[in-house]
Amino acid sequence: MKIFHGIIEIAGQMGNLCGALKNRNHIAVGYNTFHSYLGYKDHLINTDSIDIQGMFKYISNFYDVFHYHYGVTIWNDYRDIKLMKSKGKKMIMHHWGNDVRFHDLARINNPYVYTGDSPPNNQIGHNLANISQYISEAIVQDHEVLPYVTPYYKKVHVLPLAIDLRKFQPTYPNVTKKRPLILHAPTNPDFKGTVIIEAAIESLKSTYDFEYKRIEKMNHEQVIRLYAEADIIVDQILCGSYGLLCVESMALGKPVLCYIRPDLIESFPSGLPVVNANPDTIQEQLKMLLTNPSLRNSLGKAGRTYVENYHAQDTVVSQLLSIYMNLT
């Protein structure tokens, strides 16, 4: 197959999926118009909207499958997907969270959730209604995102986050280390709950001996090198599900604190080794890990196994290819 991915790279996922598809002898290219300090580049053509629109005739004729991301297509008025439908092209939309997180719906099962990065409800609904006129199936990363888009599509698939495990060599926490290192890397502090996390960390400093580092404004390769030094990593404590930082941290053999909504726990494969922490419990959960080096080590090992089983890009792309093959 010849597979187009575009046009917004979210957490390296377009590149990871394209790389895994290439490993299966498919032609797959990610066209990315969103550029950040994270510096994702693998399997991508980093471009802009004007250039990609200029390539549209070639793109529309060359590719067989069109995998769009984050509720965005090549034109804001969706004329491209209207044309693709008339040509009988296979299409799917991959929603990632903030693009579809209806504010009121998000709060039904989560008193902590931050939705300040999501568009107004009426804009989300307008976008979904327009896209689903032409694209009948969608992908989401987990059951936290699922209910926002289910009413709009004929079918919605849950596809886990994918990473290239070859880039993540585990370094499990040393049980004899006297001064553990806590890391937190907020690309969006409001969404992650950084103020609350750092208040909890500050309150523990007078009682426990540890080091804390906040990682910001670094490219992805630099960040991964720093993660490898950590003994404890704090992901996000408001959303109710885990993201790429959590997956990468587990791949590196690190224990991770993250809030998983109680009603979503059973939707994940059994044995998810995340230390569940919300704003009310983050201090106690940090204390538990700070005082138990053996637990840090065992959680790190369990996390690596979990990612090998469920988030390795080759495993994920097998599921993705099955989705592609059954698109109409």
Protein backbone atom coordinates (compact mmCIF):
# COMPACT_ATOMS: atom_id res chain seq x y z
CA MET A 1 0.00 0.00 0.00
CA LYS A 2 0.93 3.65 -0.46
CA ILE A 3 -0.09 5.47 2.72
CA PHE A 4 -0.30 9.21 3.37
CA HIS A 5 -0.10 10.52 6.93
CA GLY A 6 -0.78 14.16 7.66
CA ILE A 7 -0.74 16.90 8.46
CA ILE A 8 0.04 17.34 12.15
CA GLU A 9 2.66 15.27 13.95
CA ILE A 10 1.46 14.39 17.45
CA ALA A 11 4.08 13.04 19.86
CA GLY A 12 6.10 11.38 17.13
CA GLN A 13 3.24 9.06 16.22
CA MET A 14 3.07 9.79 12.49
CA GLY A 15 6.77 9.07 12.17
CA ASN A 16 6.66 5.92 14.29
CA LEU A 17 3.73 4.49 12.36
CA CYS A 18 5.26 5.37 8.99
CA GLY A 19 8.56 3.75 10.00
CA ALA A 20 6.82 0.55 11.05
CA LEU A 21 4.76 0.52 7.86
CA LYS A 22 7.95 0.86 5.80
CA ASN A 23 9.37 -2.12 7.68
CA ARG A 24 6.40 -4.09 6.30
CA ASN A 25 7.33 -2.99 2.74
CA HIS A 26 4.63 -0.36 2.40
CA ILE A 27 5.24 3.16 1.13
CA ALA A 28 4.35 5.49 4.01
CA VAL A 29 5.16 9.18 4.41
CA GLY A 30 4.16 11.68 7.07
CA TYR A 31 3.61 15.25 5.87
CA ASN A 32 3.96 17.51 8.91
CA THR A 33 2.99 21.18 9.13
CA PHE A 34 3.32 21.49 12.93
CA HIS A 35 6.84 22.32 14.05
CA SER A 36 7.97 22.47 17.68
CA TYR A 37 11.12 22.36 19.78
CA LEU A 38 10.64 18.59 20.11
CA GLY A 39 12.15 18.29 16.63
CA TYR A 40 10.49 15.14 15.31
CA LYS A 41 11.90 14.26 11.88
CA ASP A 42 11.97 10.48 11.34
CA HIS A 43 9.92 9.38 8.31
CA LEU A 44 8.48 12.89 7.92
CA ILE A 45 8.44 15.57 5.29
CA ASN A 46 8.41 18.73 7.40
CA THR A 47 6.56 21.27 5.29
CA ASP A 48 3.84 23.91 5.55
CA SER A 49 0.22 24.23 4.47
CA ILE A 50 0.99 26.17 1.30
CA ASP A 51 3.54 23.64 0.08
CA ILE A 52 1.37 20.64 0.84
CA GLN A 53 -1.57 22.23 -0.95
CA GLY A 54 0.73 22.76 -3.91
CA MET A 55 1.51 19.03 -3.90
CA PHE A 56 -2.11 18.03 -3.58
CA LYS A 57 -2.61 16.79 -7.16
CA TYR A 58 0.39 14.45 -6.79
CA ILE A 59 -0.64 13.35 -3.30
CA SER A 60 -4.24 12.65 -4.24
CA ASN A 61 -3.22 10.53 -7.23
CA PHE A 62 -0.26 8.68 -5.70
CA TYR A 63 -1.49 7.43 -2.32
CA ASP A 64 -4.07 4.68 -1.72
CA VAL A 65 -4.78 5.29 1.96
CA PHE A 66 -5.11 8.67 3.67
CA HIS A 67 -4.53 8.69 7.43
CA TYR A 68 -5.28 12.13 8.84
CA HIS A 69 -4.42 13.28 12.35
CA TYR A 70 -5.80 15.66 14.98
CA GLY A 71 -8.98 16.55 13.13
CA VAL A 72 -7.08 18.40 10.41
CA THR A 73 -6.92 17.81 6.66
CA ILE A 74 -5.04 19.59 3.88
CA TRP A 75 -7.64 22.35 3.51
CA ASN A 76 -9.59 23.97 6.34
CA ASP A 77 -12.82 23.62 4.38
CA TYR A 78 -12.23 19.85 3.94
CA ARG A 79 -12.38 20.07 0.14
CA ASP A 80 -9.56 17.50 -0.05
CA ILE A 81 -11.45 14.75 1.76
CA LYS A 82 -14.57 15.54 -0.27
CA LEU A 83 -12.53 14.91 -3.40
CA MET A 84 -10.90 11.79 -1.94
CA LYS A 85 -14.32 10.34 -1.21
CA SER A 86 -15.44 11.00 -4.79
CA LYS A 87 -12.31 9.18 -6.01
CA GLY A 88 -13.04 6.20 -3.78
CA LYS A 89 -9.88 6.60 -1.68
CA LYS A 90 -9.60 4.90 1.70
CA MET A 91 -9.52 7.46 4.54
CA ILE A 92 -9.40 7.46 8.32
CA MET A 93 -9.14 10.23 10.92
CA HIS A 94 -6.95 9.82 14.01
CA HIS A 95 -8.14 11.92 16.96
CA TRP A 96 -5.73 12.50 19.82
CA GLY A 97 -7.62 14.23 22.65
CA ASN A 98 -7.46 17.99 22.78
CA ASP A 99 -8.91 18.21 19.27
CA VAL A 100 -12.15 16.52 20.41
CA ARG A 101 -12.32 16.78 24.20
CA PHE A 102 -15.75 18.32 24.76
CA HIS A 103 -15.45 20.38 27.94
CA ASP A 104 -18.65 19.33 29.66
CA LEU A 105 -18.38 15.66 28.67
CA ALA A 106 -14.80 15.49 29.95
CA ARG A 107 -15.92 16.59 33.42
CA ILE A 108 -18.62 13.95 33.84
CA ASN A 109 -16.16 11.31 35.07
CA ASN A 110 -13.20 13.51 35.93
CA PRO A 111 -13.26 16.42 38.42
CA TYR A 112 -9.58 17.18 37.73
CA VAL A 113 -9.50 17.41 33.93
CA TYR A 114 -8.05 20.48 32.20
CA THR A 115 -9.65 21.31 28.85
CA GLY A 116 -8.25 24.79 28.28
CA ASP A 117 -6.44 23.66 25.11
CA SER A 118 -9.57 22.31 23.44
CA PRO A 119 -11.69 24.45 21.10
CA PRO A 120 -15.17 25.49 22.23
CA ASN A 121 -17.75 22.70 22.20
CA ASN A 122 -19.57 24.11 19.19
CA GLN A 123 -16.35 24.23 17.17
CA ILE A 124 -15.47 20.63 18.07
CA GLY A 125 -18.95 19.50 17.08
CA HIS A 126 -18.83 21.47 13.82
CA ASN A 127 -15.45 19.94 12.90
CA LEU A 128 -16.53 16.39 13.68
CA ALA A 129 -19.79 16.76 11.78
CA ASN A 130 -17.97 18.03 8.70
CA ILE A 131 -15.19 15.43 8.76
CA SER A 132 -17.56 12.52 9.29
CA GLN A 133 -19.54 13.47 6.17
CA TYR A 134 -16.59 12.16 4.17
CA ILE A 135 -14.61 9.93 6.54
CA SER A 136 -16.64 7.15 8.14
CA GLU A 137 -14.04 5.62 10.50
CA ALA A 138 -11.73 7.05 13.14
CA ILE A 139 -8.91 6.00 15.46
CA VAL A 140 -8.34 7.04 19.07
CA GLN A 141 -5.52 6.08 21.41
CA ASP A 142 -7.67 4.95 24.35
CA HIS A 143 -11.10 4.87 25.93
CA GLU A 144 -10.70 8.34 27.42
CA VAL A 145 -10.94 9.83 23.92
CA LEU A 146 -13.44 7.28 22.58
CA PRO A 147 -16.76 8.78 23.80
CA TYR A 148 -16.05 12.20 22.30
CA VAL A 149 -16.03 10.87 18.74
CA THR A 150 -18.21 7.74 18.83
CA PRO A 151 -21.46 9.58 17.96
CA TYR A 152 -19.97 10.93 14.73
CA TYR A 153 -18.42 7.91 13.01
CA LYS A 154 -19.70 4.56 11.80
CA LYS A 155 -16.76 2.85 13.48
CA VAL A 156 -14.05 3.98 15.93
CA HIS A 157 -10.93 1.91 16.56
CA VAL A 158 -8.77 2.04 19.68
CA LEU A 159 -5.09 1.89 18.69
CA PRO A 160 -2.39 2.18 21.38
CA LEU A 161 0.46 4.66 21.20
CA ALA A 162 3.43 3.25 19.30
CA ILE A 163 7.17 3.57 19.97
CA ASP A 164 10.31 2.19 18.42
CA LEU A 165 11.77 0.10 21.25
CA ARG A 166 15.18 0.00 19.58
CA LYS A 167 15.63 3.61 20.71
CA PHE A 168 14.87 2.84 24.35
CA GLN A 169 17.37 0.75 26.29
CA PRO A 170 16.06 0.18 29.83
CA THR A 171 18.03 1.40 32.83
CA TYR A 172 16.19 0.15 35.89
CA PRO A 173 16.32 2.17 39.12
CA ASN A 174 19.24 1.18 41.33
CA VAL A 175 17.95 -0.19 44.64
CA THR A 176 21.08 1.03 46.46
CA LYS A 177 20.82 4.63 45.28
CA LYS A 178 20.58 6.96 48.27
CA ARG A 179 19.29 10.08 46.53
CA PRO A 180 16.69 9.24 43.86
CA LEU A 181 16.00 11.58 40.96
CA ILE A 182 12.43 12.63 40.15
CA LEU A 183 11.78 13.96 36.64
CA HIS A 184 8.78 15.78 35.21
CA ALA A 185 8.64 16.95 31.58
CA PRO A 186 5.59 19.12 30.93
CA THR A 187 5.09 20.12 27.30
CA ASN A 188 1.94 21.78 28.66
CA PRO A 189 2.10 22.47 32.42
CA ASP A 190 -1.60 23.32 32.75
CA PHE A 191 -2.66 20.07 31.10
CA LYS A 192 -0.16 17.98 33.06
CA GLY A 193 -0.95 19.49 36.47
CA THR A 194 2.59 20.75 36.98
CA VAL A 195 1.77 23.31 39.68
CA ILE A 196 0.15 20.62 41.83
CA ILE A 197 2.94 18.13 41.14
CA GLU A 198 5.65 20.59 42.10
CA ALA A 199 3.80 21.66 45.24
CA ALA A 200 3.72 18.01 46.34
CA ILE A 201 7.42 17.60 45.57
CA GLU A 202 8.28 20.77 47.49
CA SER A 203 6.35 19.56 50.53
CA LEU A 204 8.42 16.36 50.63
CA LYS A 205 11.82 18.03 50.44
CA SER A 206 12.08 18.71 54.17
CA THR A 207 11.55 15.03 55.02
CA TYR A 208 13.11 13.04 52.16
CA ASP A 209 16.45 13.28 50.39
CA PHE A 210 15.96 13.36 46.62
CA GLU A 211 16.69 15.45 43.54
CA TYR A 212 14.04 16.98 41.28
CA LYS A 213 14.41 18.17 37.69
CA ARG A 214 11.81 19.79 35.47
CA ILE A 215 12.55 19.28 31.78
CA GLU A 216 11.35 21.90 29.31
CA LYS A 217 12.07 23.24 25.83
CA MET A 218 14.40 20.41 24.80
CA ASN A 219 14.24 18.32 21.66
CA HIS A 220 13.05 14.75 21.91
CA GLU A 221 16.49 13.12 21.70
CA GLN A 222 17.83 15.26 24.58
CA VAL A 223 14.80 14.49 26.70
CA ILE A 224 15.15 10.74 26.28
CA ARG A 225 18.78 10.89 27.46
CA LEU A 226 17.64 12.70 30.61
CA TYR A 227 14.78 10.27 31.25
CA ALA A 228 17.33 7.47 31.36
CA GLU A 229 18.89 9.01 34.49
CA ALA A 230 15.63 9.12 36.46
CA ASP A 231 14.46 6.91 39.31
CA ILE A 232 10.87 8.23 39.29
CA ILE A 233 9.01 9.99 36.47
CA VAL A 234 5.81 11.97 36.93
CA ASP A 235 3.63 12.18 33.81
CA GLN A 236 0.18 13.82 34.09
CA ILE A 237 -2.28 13.86 36.97
CA LEU A 238 -5.36 15.56 35.51
CA CYS A 239 -6.36 13.97 32.20
CA GLY A 240 -7.31 10.52 33.47
CA SER A 241 -5.23 8.53 31.01
CA TYR A 242 -1.57 8.15 30.11
CA GLY A 243 0.38 9.68 27.26
CA LEU A 244 3.63 9.26 25.38
CA LEU A 245 5.83 10.34 28.29
CA CYS A 246 4.43 7.47 30.32
CA VAL A 247 5.02 4.95 27.52
CA GLU A 248 8.58 6.13 26.88
CA SER A 249 9.35 6.14 30.60
CA MET A 250 8.13 2.58 31.00
CA ALA A 251 10.17 1.58 27.95
CA LEU A 252 13.23 2.97 29.74
CA GLY A 253 12.41 0.88 32.81
CA LYS A 254 11.19 3.72 35.03
CA PRO A 255 8.28 3.77 37.48
CA VAL A 256 5.72 6.36 36.41
CA LEU A 257 3.08 8.30 38.31
CA CYS A 258 -0.01 9.18 36.27
CA TYR A 259 -3.72 9.56 36.91
CA ILE A 260 -5.84 6.78 35.39
CA ARG A 261 -9.55 7.37 35.82
CA PRO A 262 -11.08 4.53 37.89
CA ASP A 263 -13.73 3.83 35.25
CA LEU A 264 -11.02 3.43 32.57
CA ILE A 265 -8.62 1.08 34.37
CA GLU A 266 -10.26 -2.09 33.03
CA SER A 267 -10.20 -0.74 29.46
CA PHE A 268 -6.41 -1.10 29.39
CA PRO A 269 -4.63 -4.46 29.15
CA SER A 270 -4.30 -6.09 32.57
CA GLY A 271 -1.21 -5.37 34.60
CA LEU A 272 -0.74 -1.69 33.73
CA PRO A 273 2.12 -0.86 36.15
CA VAL A 274 1.44 2.88 36.47
CA VAL A 275 1.33 4.33 39.98
CA ASN A 276 -2.11 5.93 39.96
CA ALA A 277 -1.89 9.47 41.33
CA ASN A 278 -4.32 12.37 41.14
CA PRO A 279 -4.10 15.82 42.77
CA ASP A 280 -5.42 14.42 46.04
CA THR A 281 -2.99 11.47 46.20
CA ILE A 282 0.17 12.64 44.43
CA GLN A 283 2.07 13.44 47.62
CA GLU A 284 1.39 10.05 49.23
CA GLN A 285 2.21 8.15 46.05
CA LEU A 286 5.50 10.00 45.65
CA LYS A 287 6.32 9.23 49.29
CA MET A 288 5.63 5.54 48.67
CA LEU A 289 8.13 5.44 45.80
CA LEU A 290 10.75 7.55 47.56
CA THR A 291 10.79 5.17 50.51
CA ASN A 292 10.72 1.92 48.54
CA PRO A 293 13.65 1.46 46.13
CA SER A 294 12.75 -2.19 45.52
CA LEU A 295 9.30 -1.15 44.37
CA ARG A 296 10.82 1.42 42.01
CA ASN A 297 12.94 -1.31 40.48
CA SER A 298 10.13 -3.87 40.14
CA LEU A 299 7.74 -1.31 38.64
CA GLY A 300 10.42 -0.31 36.15
CA LYS A 301 10.81 -3.90 34.99
CA ALA A 302 7.04 -4.42 34.80
CA GLY A 303 6.69 -1.24 32.76
CA ARG A 304 9.24 -2.36 30.20
CA THR A 305 7.41 -5.67 29.77
CA TYR A 306 4.08 -3.89 29.41
CA VAL A 307 5.39 -1.63 26.64
CA GLU A 308 7.01 -4.58 24.84
CA ASN A 309 3.66 -6.35 24.85
CA TYR A 310 1.33 -3.50 23.91
CA HIS A 311 3.15 -0.42 22.59
CA ALA A 312 5.97 -1.76 20.39
CA GLN A 313 5.43 -0.16 17.01
CA ASP A 314 5.48 -3.47 15.14
CA THR A 315 2.66 -4.78 17.34
CA VAL A 316 0.66 -1.59 16.91
CA VAL A 317 1.16 -1.44 13.15
CA SER A 318 -0.18 -4.99 12.80
CA GLN A 319 -3.43 -3.69 14.27
CA LEU A 320 -3.27 -0.61 12.04
CA LEU A 321 -2.85 -2.66 8.87
CA SER A 322 -5.90 -4.70 9.80
CA ILE A 323 -7.85 -1.45 10.11
CA TYR A 324 -6.59 -0.24 6.72
CA MET A 325 -7.46 -3.50 5.00
CA ASN A 326 -11.08 -3.27 6.11
CA LEU A 327 -11.67 0.39 5.26
CA THR A 328 -14.31 1.01 2.64
